[in-house]
N, C-alpha and C. Protein backbone atom coordinates (compact mmCIF):
# COMPACT_ATOMS: atom_id res chain seq x y z
N MET A 1 118.33 99.85 107.54
CA MET A 1 117.91 99.11 108.72
C MET A 1 116.64 98.27 108.42
N LEU A 2 115.71 98.83 107.68
CA LEU A 2 114.45 98.10 107.36
C LEU A 2 114.57 97.29 106.08
N ASP A 3 115.81 97.40 105.44
CA ASP A 3 115.90 96.55 104.16
C ASP A 3 116.12 95.03 104.53
N GLY A 4 116.42 94.83 105.77
CA GLY A 4 116.65 93.41 106.16
C GLY A 4 115.29 92.66 106.25
N LEU A 5 114.25 93.37 106.33
CA LEU A 5 113.04 92.80 106.61
C LEU A 5 112.33 92.35 105.24
N GLU A 6 111.87 91.11 104.98
CA GLU A 6 111.44 90.74 103.70
C GLU A 6 110.18 91.37 103.27
N THR A 7 109.34 91.64 104.37
CA THR A 7 108.01 92.30 103.97
C THR A 7 108.31 93.76 103.49
N ILE A 8 109.14 94.43 104.07
CA ILE A 8 109.51 95.76 103.58
C ILE A 8 110.17 95.70 102.20
N ARG A 9 110.92 94.77 102.00
CA ARG A 9 111.59 94.66 100.69
C ARG A 9 110.62 94.19 99.61
N MET A 10 109.71 93.35 99.86
CA MET A 10 108.63 92.97 99.04
C MET A 10 107.77 94.18 98.58
N ALA A 11 107.30 95.00 99.75
CA ALA A 11 106.52 96.16 99.48
C ALA A 11 107.23 97.15 98.56
N ARG A 12 108.42 97.45 98.78
CA ARG A 12 109.22 98.28 98.00
C ARG A 12 109.33 97.82 96.63
N ALA A 13 109.63 96.54 96.24
CA ALA A 13 109.54 95.98 94.88
C ALA A 13 108.22 96.02 94.28
N MET A 14 107.19 95.85 95.05
CA MET A 14 105.76 95.84 94.43
C MET A 14 105.49 97.42 94.10
N THR A 15 106.00 98.32 94.81
CA THR A 15 105.68 99.74 94.48
C THR A 15 106.45 100.12 93.22
N ALA A 16 107.74 99.68 93.06
CA ALA A 16 108.64 99.87 91.99
C ALA A 16 107.91 99.28 90.78
N HIS A 17 107.40 98.08 90.84
CA HIS A 17 106.66 97.29 89.73
C HIS A 17 105.47 98.14 89.30
N ALA A 18 104.66 98.57 90.24
CA ALA A 18 103.47 99.32 89.93
C ALA A 18 103.83 100.67 89.21
N ALA A 19 104.99 101.27 89.66
CA ALA A 19 105.35 102.58 89.04
C ALA A 19 105.69 102.24 87.62
N GLU A 20 106.56 101.20 87.35
CA GLU A 20 107.05 100.92 86.08
C GLU A 20 105.89 100.52 85.07
N ARG A 21 104.90 99.74 85.63
CA ARG A 21 103.89 99.36 84.83
C ARG A 21 103.03 100.59 84.43
N THR A 22 102.82 101.58 85.37
CA THR A 22 102.10 102.78 84.86
C THR A 22 102.85 103.53 83.78
N LYS A 23 104.27 103.40 83.83
CA LYS A 23 105.09 104.22 82.70
C LYS A 23 104.71 103.49 81.38
N VAL A 24 104.72 102.18 81.47
CA VAL A 24 104.53 101.35 80.27
C VAL A 24 103.01 101.69 79.82
N ILE A 25 102.12 101.56 80.62
CA ILE A 25 100.71 101.91 80.19
C ILE A 25 100.60 103.37 79.58
N ALA A 26 101.25 104.40 80.23
CA ALA A 26 101.21 105.64 79.66
C ALA A 26 101.82 105.68 78.34
N GLY A 27 102.80 104.99 78.04
CA GLY A 27 103.51 104.87 76.74
C GLY A 27 102.46 104.32 75.69
N ASN A 28 101.71 103.34 76.09
CA ASN A 28 100.74 102.74 75.26
C ASN A 28 99.69 103.80 74.90
N VAL A 29 99.21 104.45 75.91
CA VAL A 29 98.08 105.51 75.65
C VAL A 29 98.58 106.56 74.77
N ALA A 30 99.86 106.95 74.99
CA ALA A 30 100.53 108.07 74.15
C ALA A 30 100.64 107.60 72.75
N ASN A 31 100.79 106.26 72.48
CA ASN A 31 100.89 105.67 71.08
C ASN A 31 99.74 105.06 70.56
N ALA A 32 98.49 105.48 71.09
CA ALA A 32 97.23 104.82 70.74
C ALA A 32 96.87 104.95 69.24
N ASP A 33 97.42 106.11 68.59
CA ASP A 33 97.18 106.45 67.18
C ASP A 33 98.45 106.16 66.28
N THR A 34 99.44 105.62 66.84
CA THR A 34 100.72 105.45 66.10
C THR A 34 100.44 104.17 65.19
N PRO A 35 100.66 104.19 63.94
CA PRO A 35 100.37 103.14 63.00
C PRO A 35 101.49 101.96 63.45
N GLY A 36 100.99 100.74 63.45
CA GLY A 36 101.94 99.59 63.70
C GLY A 36 102.34 99.46 65.14
N PHE A 37 102.06 100.34 66.01
CA PHE A 37 102.47 100.12 67.46
C PHE A 37 101.82 99.04 68.17
N ARG A 38 102.48 98.25 68.84
CA ARG A 38 101.88 97.12 69.62
C ARG A 38 101.90 97.33 71.07
N ALA A 39 100.78 97.19 71.67
CA ALA A 39 100.66 97.40 73.13
C ALA A 39 101.68 96.65 73.92
N ARG A 40 102.28 97.20 75.08
CA ARG A 40 103.21 96.55 75.85
C ARG A 40 102.69 96.46 77.21
N ASP A 41 103.14 95.53 77.98
CA ASP A 41 102.78 95.45 79.51
C ASP A 41 103.99 94.72 80.16
N LEU A 42 104.00 94.69 81.51
CA LEU A 42 105.01 94.08 82.17
C LEU A 42 104.65 92.63 82.59
N GLN A 43 105.47 91.80 83.02
CA GLN A 43 105.24 90.50 83.51
C GLN A 43 104.46 90.72 84.84
N PRO A 44 103.68 89.79 85.29
CA PRO A 44 103.01 90.08 86.57
C PRO A 44 104.08 90.17 87.69
N PHE A 45 103.68 90.86 88.74
CA PHE A 45 104.64 91.03 89.91
C PHE A 45 105.15 89.70 90.49
N SER A 46 104.20 88.83 90.59
CA SER A 46 104.46 87.43 91.25
C SER A 46 105.60 86.83 90.58
N GLU A 47 105.65 86.81 89.24
CA GLU A 47 106.65 86.11 88.40
C GLU A 47 107.88 86.85 88.53
N THR A 48 107.94 88.22 88.48
CA THR A 48 109.07 89.11 88.60
C THR A 48 109.59 88.95 89.84
N TYR A 49 108.87 88.99 90.89
CA TYR A 49 109.56 88.80 92.27
C TYR A 49 110.03 87.48 92.52
N ARG A 50 109.40 86.43 92.02
CA ARG A 50 109.95 85.10 92.24
C ARG A 50 111.25 84.85 91.57
N ARG A 51 111.30 85.37 90.33
CA ARG A 51 112.51 85.28 89.43
C ARG A 51 113.72 86.11 90.07
N ALA A 52 113.32 87.23 90.56
CA ALA A 52 114.44 88.04 91.18
C ALA A 52 114.88 87.46 92.64
N ALA A 53 114.03 86.72 93.29
CA ALA A 53 114.48 86.11 94.56
C ALA A 53 115.43 84.93 94.19
N GLY A 54 115.13 84.17 93.16
CA GLY A 54 116.05 82.97 92.88
C GLY A 54 117.32 83.39 92.19
N ASP A 55 117.31 84.39 91.20
CA ASP A 55 118.49 84.69 90.46
C ASP A 55 118.77 86.15 90.63
N ALA A 56 118.81 86.61 91.80
CA ALA A 56 118.94 88.06 92.14
C ALA A 56 120.34 88.48 91.67
N LEU A 57 120.26 89.67 90.99
CA LEU A 57 121.62 90.45 90.45
C LEU A 57 122.10 91.12 91.75
N ARG A 58 123.46 91.09 91.84
CA ARG A 58 124.08 91.94 92.87
C ARG A 58 124.36 93.35 92.27
N VAL A 59 123.86 94.29 93.08
CA VAL A 59 124.11 95.62 92.51
C VAL A 59 125.40 96.28 93.32
N THR A 60 126.37 96.59 92.62
CA THR A 60 127.52 97.11 93.23
C THR A 60 127.67 98.56 93.00
N ARG A 61 126.99 99.08 92.03
CA ARG A 61 127.05 100.53 91.71
C ARG A 61 125.58 101.05 91.58
N ALA A 62 125.42 102.28 91.69
CA ALA A 62 124.02 103.00 91.60
C ALA A 62 123.53 102.74 90.20
N GLY A 63 124.37 102.80 89.17
CA GLY A 63 123.93 102.76 87.77
C GLY A 63 123.65 101.29 87.21
N HIS A 64 123.94 100.34 88.15
CA HIS A 64 123.61 98.98 87.50
C HIS A 64 122.21 98.73 87.56
N LEU A 65 121.82 97.65 86.94
CA LEU A 65 120.42 97.15 86.83
C LEU A 65 120.07 96.77 88.25
N GLY A 66 118.98 97.40 88.79
CA GLY A 66 118.58 97.02 90.14
C GLY A 66 117.36 96.11 90.19
N GLU A 67 116.60 96.17 91.28
CA GLU A 67 115.62 95.24 91.43
C GLU A 67 114.37 95.62 90.78
N ALA A 68 114.19 96.72 90.32
CA ALA A 68 112.88 97.14 89.66
C ALA A 68 112.58 96.40 88.34
N GLY A 69 113.49 95.63 87.77
CA GLY A 69 113.17 94.81 86.66
C GLY A 69 113.97 95.36 85.39
N GLY A 70 113.46 96.26 84.63
CA GLY A 70 114.15 96.75 83.52
C GLY A 70 113.45 96.28 82.15
N ALA A 71 114.07 96.51 81.15
CA ALA A 71 113.61 96.17 79.76
C ALA A 71 113.31 94.69 79.56
N ALA A 72 113.98 93.84 80.41
CA ALA A 72 113.90 92.39 80.20
C ALA A 72 112.40 91.97 80.74
N SER A 73 111.86 92.69 81.48
CA SER A 73 110.63 92.24 81.94
C SER A 73 109.33 92.78 81.16
N VAL A 74 109.69 93.68 80.23
CA VAL A 74 108.63 94.29 79.34
C VAL A 74 108.23 93.20 78.27
N ARG A 75 106.98 93.02 77.98
CA ARG A 75 106.46 92.04 77.00
C ARG A 75 105.48 92.75 76.12
N ILE A 76 105.38 92.21 74.86
CA ILE A 76 104.27 92.66 74.10
C ILE A 76 102.93 92.10 74.76
N ALA A 77 101.99 92.89 74.88
CA ALA A 77 100.71 92.49 75.46
C ALA A 77 100.03 91.60 74.42
N GLU A 78 99.12 90.65 74.83
CA GLU A 78 98.50 89.85 73.88
C GLU A 78 97.37 90.60 73.19
N ASP A 79 97.28 90.25 71.80
CA ASP A 79 96.32 90.90 71.02
C ASP A 79 94.95 90.19 71.25
N GLN A 80 94.24 90.84 72.20
CA GLN A 80 92.89 90.05 72.48
C GLN A 80 91.72 90.57 71.50
N GLY A 81 91.86 91.71 71.18
CA GLY A 81 90.71 92.24 70.31
C GLY A 81 91.14 92.46 68.84
N GLY A 82 92.27 92.01 68.56
CA GLY A 82 92.83 92.25 67.24
C GLY A 82 93.59 93.58 67.07
N ARG A 83 93.75 93.89 65.86
CA ARG A 83 94.38 95.17 65.66
C ARG A 83 93.54 96.14 64.71
N ALA A 84 93.76 97.39 64.86
CA ALA A 84 93.17 98.38 64.07
C ALA A 84 93.63 98.29 62.67
N PRO A 85 92.99 98.82 61.72
CA PRO A 85 93.37 98.78 60.28
C PRO A 85 94.77 99.32 60.06
N ASN A 86 95.25 100.31 60.90
CA ASN A 86 96.60 100.81 60.83
C ASN A 86 97.71 99.94 61.48
N GLY A 87 97.27 98.78 62.01
CA GLY A 87 98.19 97.84 62.61
C GLY A 87 98.52 98.11 64.15
N ASN A 88 97.78 99.00 64.73
CA ASN A 88 97.96 99.35 66.08
C ASN A 88 97.11 98.39 66.98
N SER A 89 97.71 97.86 68.01
CA SER A 89 96.96 96.91 68.87
C SER A 89 96.52 97.51 70.26
N VAL A 90 96.64 98.90 70.44
CA VAL A 90 96.37 99.46 71.65
C VAL A 90 94.78 99.62 71.81
N SER A 91 94.33 99.11 72.99
CA SER A 91 92.86 99.36 73.25
C SER A 91 92.77 100.19 74.50
N LEU A 92 92.11 101.42 74.32
CA LEU A 92 92.11 102.26 75.46
C LEU A 92 91.28 101.64 76.69
N GLU A 93 90.25 100.90 76.38
CA GLU A 93 89.57 100.19 77.53
C GLU A 93 90.48 99.28 78.19
N ASP A 94 91.28 98.45 77.50
CA ASP A 94 92.22 97.45 78.13
C ASP A 94 93.31 98.41 79.03
N GLU A 95 93.70 99.57 78.39
CA GLU A 95 94.62 100.33 79.23
C GLU A 95 93.99 100.91 80.42
N MET A 96 92.80 101.19 80.40
CA MET A 96 92.10 101.69 81.69
C MET A 96 92.13 100.66 82.62
N VAL A 97 91.82 99.34 82.21
CA VAL A 97 91.74 98.31 83.24
C VAL A 97 93.12 98.09 83.76
N ARG A 98 94.18 98.11 82.96
CA ARG A 98 95.47 97.88 83.42
C ARG A 98 95.97 99.03 84.47
N THR A 99 95.45 100.30 84.11
CA THR A 99 95.75 101.40 85.03
C THR A 99 95.11 101.09 86.26
N ALA A 100 93.90 100.65 86.34
CA ALA A 100 93.21 100.35 87.67
C ALA A 100 94.03 99.16 88.36
N GLU A 101 94.43 98.26 87.71
CA GLU A 101 95.18 97.16 88.29
C GLU A 101 96.52 97.66 88.89
N ALA A 102 97.15 98.58 88.18
CA ALA A 102 98.40 99.03 88.79
C ALA A 102 98.18 99.96 90.03
N LYS A 103 97.13 100.79 89.96
CA LYS A 103 96.79 101.55 91.20
C LYS A 103 96.48 100.67 92.33
N ARG A 104 95.58 99.62 92.12
CA ARG A 104 95.40 98.58 93.16
C ARG A 104 96.65 97.99 93.77
N GLN A 105 97.62 97.64 92.89
CA GLN A 105 98.86 97.13 93.29
C GLN A 105 99.74 98.10 94.07
N HIS A 106 99.62 99.43 93.75
CA HIS A 106 100.27 100.34 94.44
C HIS A 106 99.79 100.61 95.74
N ASP A 107 98.41 100.56 95.82
CA ASP A 107 97.68 100.79 97.10
C ASP A 107 98.00 99.73 97.94
N LEU A 108 98.06 98.40 97.48
CA LEU A 108 98.24 97.27 98.22
C LEU A 108 99.72 97.31 98.82
N SER A 109 100.68 97.77 98.11
CA SER A 109 102.00 97.76 98.53
C SER A 109 102.12 98.95 99.67
N LEU A 110 101.52 100.04 99.61
CA LEU A 110 101.42 100.93 100.57
C LEU A 110 100.85 100.47 101.95
N ALA A 111 99.81 99.66 101.68
CA ALA A 111 99.09 98.98 102.93
C ALA A 111 100.04 98.07 103.60
N VAL A 112 100.70 97.28 102.79
CA VAL A 112 101.63 96.27 103.40
C VAL A 112 102.75 97.01 104.19
N TYR A 113 103.33 98.14 103.56
CA TYR A 113 104.33 98.83 104.20
C TYR A 113 103.88 99.50 105.47
N ARG A 114 102.66 100.10 105.43
CA ARG A 114 102.15 100.75 106.65
C ARG A 114 101.86 99.69 107.80
N SER A 115 101.29 98.71 107.38
CA SER A 115 100.98 97.54 108.34
C SER A 115 102.39 97.07 109.00
N SER A 116 103.28 96.96 108.18
CA SER A 116 104.77 96.43 108.71
C SER A 116 105.26 97.55 109.66
N LEU A 117 105.16 98.77 109.37
CA LEU A 117 105.70 99.77 110.18
C LEU A 117 104.80 99.88 111.51
N ASN A 118 103.56 99.58 111.40
CA ASN A 118 102.75 99.57 112.67
C ASN A 118 103.16 98.48 113.51
N MET A 119 103.39 97.41 113.00
CA MET A 119 103.88 96.20 113.84
C MET A 119 105.17 96.42 114.46
N LEU A 120 106.03 97.07 113.84
CA LEU A 120 107.34 97.52 114.37
C LEU A 120 107.18 98.56 115.47
N ARG A 121 106.37 99.45 115.23
CA ARG A 121 106.16 100.45 116.34
C ARG A 121 105.48 99.70 117.58
N SER A 122 104.52 98.88 117.38
CA SER A 122 103.98 98.13 118.50
C SER A 122 104.98 97.29 119.16
N ALA A 123 105.84 96.78 118.36
CA ALA A 123 106.90 95.85 119.11
C ALA A 123 107.81 96.62 119.91
N ILE A 124 108.14 97.92 119.60
CA ILE A 124 109.01 98.75 120.41
C ILE A 124 108.20 99.48 121.48
N GLY A 125 106.94 99.39 121.56
CA GLY A 125 106.08 100.00 122.49
C GLY A 125 105.62 101.38 122.21
N ARG A 126 105.64 101.71 120.95
CA ARG A 126 105.10 103.05 120.50
C ARG A 126 103.72 102.85 119.86
N LYS A 127 102.90 103.87 120.04
CA LYS A 127 101.52 103.78 119.32
C LYS A 127 101.67 104.22 117.92
N GLY A 128 100.92 103.63 117.02
CA GLY A 128 100.94 103.94 115.60
C GLY A 128 100.05 105.08 115.32
């Protein structure tokens, strides 16, 4: 029922993007000492969402690639501070910043979802 509302659909996609980005960041931190590992990140949500809206894949089965993105949206993060002598490009400081950004994005998606539900409740005459 709520899937027809674009605001709800966008909030759900933003939540999925924040969760996927958190997984990628956790993988970077886990491999912070792995020789030759290159830090990864996701494309920004705005690019991912805009691309999905224009070239949306139709999902006919639960196992198909859904709206959360997938491996195609993962990219190698830019080497801003260079690499360690062992070839690793993970910076724990950068990963902390990315984690804070992902949390902010998740909190924003929850606020949008909550606000949309409050508007729907007020439209049907219930108090939020």
